[in-house]
């Protein structure tokens, strides 16, 4: 399915032109962050704001924005430090395999669409890897490694503030 998504997006970009492919690139970069946050927090039961992690969702109409939604489930774990009086712990409902598939698909979109947006990014593309250098925004570099089926196997992000995030 991921390959079909990338093909459909590539075909759409050929039809739509470079400006829209740059918008798609920005959307994919934001989606990558959203899905990575969800994947990383799939079992987070306590956040600094209190309560379990709230699932992030990318909503795009004219502009894209990230919203937090409360999708939770209860698990009986009476010994857990976040258990309520009845012994239940509230977890976010996150399908890690779906999040990982979305991360992989968006990484491939960035890899492909970046070539059409040299004013936004510089893409260094090899057979099983790609380095994306961003010219604006808070991300400096994304390094993606893919297997022979073009599925993402590892991803490292470095921000312009120098923070390095090893996503997996």
C-alpha atoms as a PDB file:
ATOM      1  CA  UNK A   1       0.000   0.000   0.000  1.00  0.00           C
ATOM      2  CA  UNK A   2       2.886   2.388   0.809  1.00  0.00           C
ATOM      3  CA  UNK A   3       4.269   1.998  -2.714  1.00  0.00           C
ATOM      4  CA  UNK A   4       0.851   2.810  -4.143  1.00  0.00           C
ATOM      5  CA  UNK A   5       0.687   5.936  -1.964  1.00  0.00           C
ATOM      6  CA  UNK A   6       4.122   7.111  -3.121  1.00  0.00           C
ATOM      7  CA  UNK A   7       3.210   6.410  -6.773  1.00  0.00           C
ATOM      8  CA  UNK A   8      -0.077   8.307  -6.436  1.00  0.00           C
ATOM      9  CA  UNK A   9       1.669  11.234  -4.781  1.00  0.00           C
ATOM     10  CA  UNK A  10       4.443  11.236  -7.417  1.00  0.00           C
ATOM     11  CA  UNK A  11       1.866  11.215 -10.232  1.00  0.00           C
ATOM     12  CA  UNK A  12      -0.084  14.035  -8.565  1.00  0.00           C
ATOM     13  CA  UNK A  13       3.084  16.126  -8.217  1.00  0.00           C
ATOM     14  CA  UNK A  14       3.985  15.650 -11.877  1.00  0.00           C
ATOM     15  CA  UNK A  15       0.530  16.944 -12.740  1.00  0.00           C
ATOM     16  CA  UNK A  16       0.457  19.709 -10.119  1.00  0.00           C
ATOM     17  CA  UNK A  17       3.900  21.313 -10.383  1.00  0.00           C
ATOM     18  CA  UNK A  18       6.762  22.237  -8.089  1.00  0.00           C
ATOM     19  CA  UNK A  19       4.861  24.662  -5.830  1.00  0.00           C
ATOM     20  CA  UNK A  20       2.400  21.985  -4.765  1.00  0.00           C
ATOM     21  CA  UNK A  21       5.159  19.424  -4.337  1.00  0.00           C
ATOM     22  CA  UNK A  22       6.850  21.855  -1.918  1.00  0.00           C
ATOM     23  CA  UNK A  23       3.589  22.108   0.025  1.00  0.00           C
ATOM     24  CA  UNK A  24       3.422  18.313   0.067  1.00  0.00           C
ATOM     25  CA  UNK A  25       7.023  18.205   1.295  1.00  0.00           C
ATOM     26  CA  UNK A  26       6.175  20.531   4.204  1.00  0.00           C
ATOM     27  CA  UNK A  27       3.084  18.499   5.034  1.00  0.00           C
ATOM     28  CA  UNK A  28       5.045  15.226   4.956  1.00  0.00           C
ATOM     29  CA  UNK A  29       7.719  16.679   7.252  1.00  0.00           C
ATOM     30  CA  UNK A  30       5.067  17.740   9.757  1.00  0.00           C
ATOM     31  CA  UNK A  31       3.293  14.374   9.436  1.00  0.00           C
ATOM     32  CA  UNK A  32       6.602  12.627  10.070  1.00  0.00           C
ATOM     33  CA  UNK A  33       6.930  14.486  13.393  1.00  0.00           C
ATOM     34  CA  UNK A  34       3.338  13.728  14.373  1.00  0.00           C
ATOM     35  CA  UNK A  35       3.556   9.994  13.649  1.00  0.00           C
ATOM     36  CA  UNK A  36       6.971   9.728  15.341  1.00  0.00           C
ATOM     37  CA  UNK A  37       5.593  11.377  18.484  1.00  0.00           C
ATOM     38  CA  UNK A  38       2.663   8.950  18.526  1.00  0.00           C
ATOM     39  CA  UNK A  39       4.902   5.928  17.894  1.00  0.00           C
ATOM     40  CA  UNK A  40       7.292   6.992  20.668  1.00  0.00           C
ATOM     41  CA  UNK A  41       4.531   7.620  23.204  1.00  0.00           C
ATOM     42  CA  UNK A  42       2.359   4.558  22.618  1.00  0.00           C
ATOM     43  CA  UNK A  43       2.674   3.467  26.260  1.00  0.00           C
ATOM     44  CA  UNK A  44       3.044   6.871  27.951  1.00  0.00           C
ATOM     45  CA  UNK A  45       0.659   6.914  30.889  1.00  0.00           C
ATOM     46  CA  UNK A  46       1.849  10.157  32.501  1.00  0.00           C
ATOM     47  CA  UNK A  47       2.746  13.445  30.818  1.00  0.00           C
ATOM     48  CA  UNK A  48       3.963  16.738  32.305  1.00  0.00           C
ATOM     49  CA  UNK A  49       0.449  18.127  31.730  1.00  0.00           C
ATOM     50  CA  UNK A  50      -1.018  15.177  33.628  1.00  0.00           C
ATOM     51  CA  UNK A  51      -2.769  12.073  32.376  1.00  0.00           C
ATOM     52  CA  UNK A  52      -1.793   9.822  29.504  1.00  0.00           C
ATOM     53  CA  UNK A  53      -0.294  10.969  26.221  1.00  0.00           C
ATOM     54  CA  UNK A  54      -2.829  12.567  23.888  1.00  0.00           C
ATOM     55  CA  UNK A  55      -2.707  11.240  20.333  1.00  0.00           C
ATOM     56  CA  UNK A  56      -1.544  13.821  17.813  1.00  0.00           C
ATOM     57  CA  UNK A  57      -3.492  14.122  14.563  1.00  0.00           C
ATOM     58  CA  UNK A  58      -2.588  16.221  11.534  1.00  0.00           C
ATOM     59  CA  UNK A  59      -5.604  18.124  10.227  1.00  0.00           C
ATOM     60  CA  UNK A  60      -5.171  19.772   6.848  1.00  0.00           C
ATOM     61  CA  UNK A  61      -7.627  21.942   5.006  1.00  0.00           C
ATOM     62  CA  UNK A  62      -6.198  25.177   3.650  1.00  0.00           C
ATOM     63  CA  UNK A  63      -3.385  24.953   6.224  1.00  0.00           C
ATOM     64  CA  UNK A  64      -2.155  22.048   8.327  1.00  0.00           C
ATOM     65  CA  UNK A  65      -2.311  22.024  12.095  1.00  0.00           C
ATOM     66  CA  UNK A  66      -1.627  19.449  14.773  1.00  0.00           C
ATOM     67  CA  UNK A  67      -4.412  18.682  17.224  1.00  0.00           C
ATOM     68  CA  UNK A  68      -4.363  16.448  20.256  1.00  0.00           C
ATOM     69  CA  UNK A  69      -7.149  13.940  20.725  1.00  0.00           C
ATOM     70  CA  UNK A  70      -7.860  11.814  23.741  1.00  0.00           C
ATOM     71  CA  UNK A  71      -8.119   8.196  22.612  1.00  0.00           C
ATOM     72  CA  UNK A  72      -7.571   5.977  25.634  1.00  0.00           C
ATOM     73  CA  UNK A  73      -8.090   2.479  26.923  1.00  0.00           C
ATOM     74  CA  UNK A  74      -7.996   1.042  30.425  1.00  0.00           C
ATOM     75  CA  UNK A  75      -5.807  -1.902  31.394  1.00  0.00           C
ATOM     76  CA  UNK A  76      -5.983  -3.662  34.719  1.00  0.00           C
ATOM     77  CA  UNK A  77      -2.518  -3.301  36.262  1.00  0.00           C
ATOM     78  CA  UNK A  78      -2.944  -2.825  40.014  1.00  0.00           C
ATOM     79  CA  UNK A  79       0.814  -2.578  40.703  1.00  0.00           C
ATOM     80  CA  UNK A  80       1.438   0.198  38.140  1.00  0.00           C
ATOM     81  CA  UNK A  81       2.331   3.590  39.660  1.00  0.00           C
ATOM     82  CA  UNK A  82      -0.352   5.289  37.522  1.00  0.00           C
ATOM     83  CA  UNK A  83      -3.136   2.846  38.434  1.00  0.00           C
ATOM     84  CA  UNK A  84      -6.337   4.360  39.759  1.00  0.00           C
ATOM     85  CA  UNK A  85      -8.023   3.178  42.956  1.00  0.00           C
ATOM     86  CA  UNK A  86      -9.543   0.232  41.059  1.00  0.00           C
ATOM     87  CA  UNK A  87      -6.153  -0.837  39.678  1.00  0.00           C
ATOM     88  CA  UNK A  88      -6.731   0.426  36.126  1.00  0.00           C
ATOM     89  CA  UNK A  89      -4.155   2.349  34.091  1.00  0.00           C
ATOM     90  CA  UNK A  90      -5.167   4.673  31.250  1.00  0.00           C
ATOM     91  CA  UNK A  91      -3.103   4.203  28.075  1.00  0.00           C
ATOM     92  CA  UNK A  92      -3.321   6.040  24.761  1.00  0.00           C
ATOM     93  CA  UNK A  93      -4.775   3.998  21.910  1.00  0.00           C
ATOM     94  CA  UNK A  94      -2.027   3.981  19.282  1.00  0.00           C
ATOM     95  CA  UNK A  95      -1.429   1.365  16.597  1.00  0.00           C
ATOM     96  CA  UNK A  96       2.382   1.295  16.484  1.00  0.00           C
ATOM     97  CA  UNK A  97       2.495  -0.633  13.206  1.00  0.00           C
ATOM     98  CA  UNK A  98       0.194   1.922  11.514  1.00  0.00           C
ATOM     99  CA  UNK A  99       2.297   4.784  12.885  1.00  0.00           C
ATOM    100  CA  UNK A 100       5.482   3.110  11.641  1.00  0.00           C
ATOM    101  CA  UNK A 101       3.944   2.620   8.190  1.00  0.00           C
ATOM    102  CA  UNK A 102       2.970   6.306   8.109  1.00  0.00           C
ATOM    103  CA  UNK A 103       6.493   7.313   9.175  1.00  0.00           C
ATOM    104  CA  UNK A 104       7.976   5.186   6.386  1.00  0.00           C
ATOM    105  CA  UNK A 105       5.562   6.537   3.760  1.00  0.00           C
ATOM    106  CA  UNK A 106       6.209  10.158   4.740  1.00  0.00           C
ATOM    107  CA  UNK A 107       9.981   9.615   4.737  1.00  0.00           C
ATOM    108  CA  UNK A 108       9.697   8.290   1.174  1.00  0.00           C
ATOM    109  CA  UNK A 109       7.537  11.282   0.177  1.00  0.00           C
ATOM    110  CA  UNK A 110      10.146  13.677   1.607  1.00  0.00           C
ATOM    111  CA  UNK A 111      12.896  11.794  -0.209  1.00  0.00           C
ATOM    112  CA  UNK A 112      11.060  12.034  -3.537  1.00  0.00           C
ATOM    113  CA  UNK A 113       9.396  15.449  -3.262  1.00  0.00           C
ATOM    114  CA  UNK A 114      12.516  17.137  -1.928  1.00  0.00           C
ATOM    115  CA  UNK A 115      14.110  16.869  -5.354  1.00  0.00           C
ATOM    116  CA  UNK A 116      11.377  19.117  -6.758  1.00  0.00           C
ATOM    117  CA  UNK A 117      11.929  21.758  -4.036  1.00  0.00           C
ATOM    118  CA  UNK A 118      15.586  22.829  -4.085  1.00  0.00           C
ATOM    119  CA  UNK A 119      14.596  26.158  -2.518  1.00  0.00           C
ATOM    120  CA  UNK A 120      13.347  24.273   0.574  1.00  0.00           C
ATOM    121  CA  UNK A 121      15.721  21.319   0.933  1.00  0.00           C
ATOM    122  CA  UNK A 122      18.871  19.714  -0.389  1.00  0.00           C
ATOM    123  CA  UNK A 123      18.513  15.979  -0.967  1.00  0.00           C
ATOM    124  CA  UNK A 124      21.503  13.665  -1.012  1.00  0.00           C
ATOM    125  CA  UNK A 125      19.991  10.406  -2.224  1.00  0.00           C
ATOM    126  CA  UNK A 126      21.671   7.019  -2.387  1.00  0.00           C
ATOM    127  CA  UNK A 127      20.257   3.560  -3.062  1.00  0.00           C
ATOM    128  CA  UNK A 128      19.199   2.762   0.509  1.00  0.00           C
ATOM    129  CA  UNK A 129      19.576   6.117   2.235  1.00  0.00           C
ATOM    130  CA  UNK A 130      18.783   9.784   1.936  1.00  0.00           C
ATOM    131  CA  UNK A 131      19.949  12.876   3.762  1.00  0.00           C
ATOM    132  CA  UNK A 132      17.601  15.842   3.705  1.00  0.00           C
ATOM    133  CA  UNK A 133      19.046  19.251   4.637  1.00  0.00           C
ATOM    134  CA  UNK A 134      16.310  21.800   5.412  1.00  0.00           C
ATOM    135  CA  UNK A 135      16.805  25.464   4.547  1.00  0.00           C
ATOM    136  CA  UNK A 136      14.119  26.764   6.935  1.00  0.00           C
ATOM    137  CA  UNK A 137      12.154  25.618   9.968  1.00  0.00           C
ATOM    138  CA  UNK A 138      13.442  23.983  13.148  1.00  0.00           C
ATOM    139  CA  UNK A 139      14.779  20.804  11.521  1.00  0.00           C
ATOM    140  CA  UNK A 140      18.311  20.930  10.151  1.00  0.00           C
ATOM    141  CA  UNK A 141      18.795  17.382   8.810  1.00  0.00           C
ATOM    142  CA  UNK A 142      16.869  14.135   8.463  1.00  0.00           C
ATOM    143  CA  UNK A 143      18.823  10.980   7.656  1.00  0.00           C
ATOM    144  CA  UNK A 144      16.717   8.064   6.435  1.00  0.00           C
ATOM    145  CA  UNK A 145      17.880   4.498   5.829  1.00  0.00           C
ATOM    146  CA  UNK A 146      15.699   2.147   3.808  1.00  0.00           C
ATOM    147  CA  UNK A 147      15.761  -1.584   3.131  1.00  0.00           C
ATOM    148  CA  UNK A 148      15.600  -3.057  -0.392  1.00  0.00           C
ATOM    149  CA  UNK A 149      11.772  -2.781  -0.319  1.00  0.00           C
ATOM    150  CA  UNK A 150      11.994   0.993   0.373  1.00  0.00           C
ATOM    151  CA  UNK A 151      10.719   0.547   3.923  1.00  0.00           C
ATOM    152  CA  UNK A 152      12.312   2.823   6.491  1.00  0.00           C
ATOM    153  CA  UNK A 153      14.744   0.984   8.795  1.00  0.00           C
ATOM    154  CA  UNK A 154      16.203   3.931  10.717  1.00  0.00           C
ATOM    155  CA  UNK A 155      15.775   7.672  11.012  1.00  0.00           C
ATOM    156  CA  UNK A 156      17.812  10.333  12.782  1.00  0.00           C
ATOM    157  CA  UNK A 157      16.784  13.989  12.975  1.00  0.00           C
ATOM    158  CA  UNK A 158      18.979  16.891  13.981  1.00  0.00           C
ATOM    159  CA  UNK A 159      17.368  20.200  14.874  1.00  0.00           C
ATOM    160  CA  UNK A 160      18.878  23.614  14.260  1.00  0.00           C
ATOM    161  CA  UNK A 161      19.316  23.986  18.032  1.00  0.00           C
ATOM    162  CA  UNK A 162      21.708  21.010  17.893  1.00  0.00           C
ATOM    163  CA  UNK A 163      19.375  18.418  19.430  1.00  0.00           C
ATOM    164  CA  UNK A 164      19.741  14.996  17.835  1.00  0.00           C
ATOM    165  CA  UNK A 165      16.675  12.774  17.918  1.00  0.00           C
ATOM    166  CA  UNK A 166      17.167   9.098  17.129  1.00  0.00           C
ATOM    167  CA  UNK A 167      13.664   8.019  16.265  1.00  0.00           C
ATOM    168  CA  UNK A 168      14.444   4.343  15.695  1.00  0.00           C
END
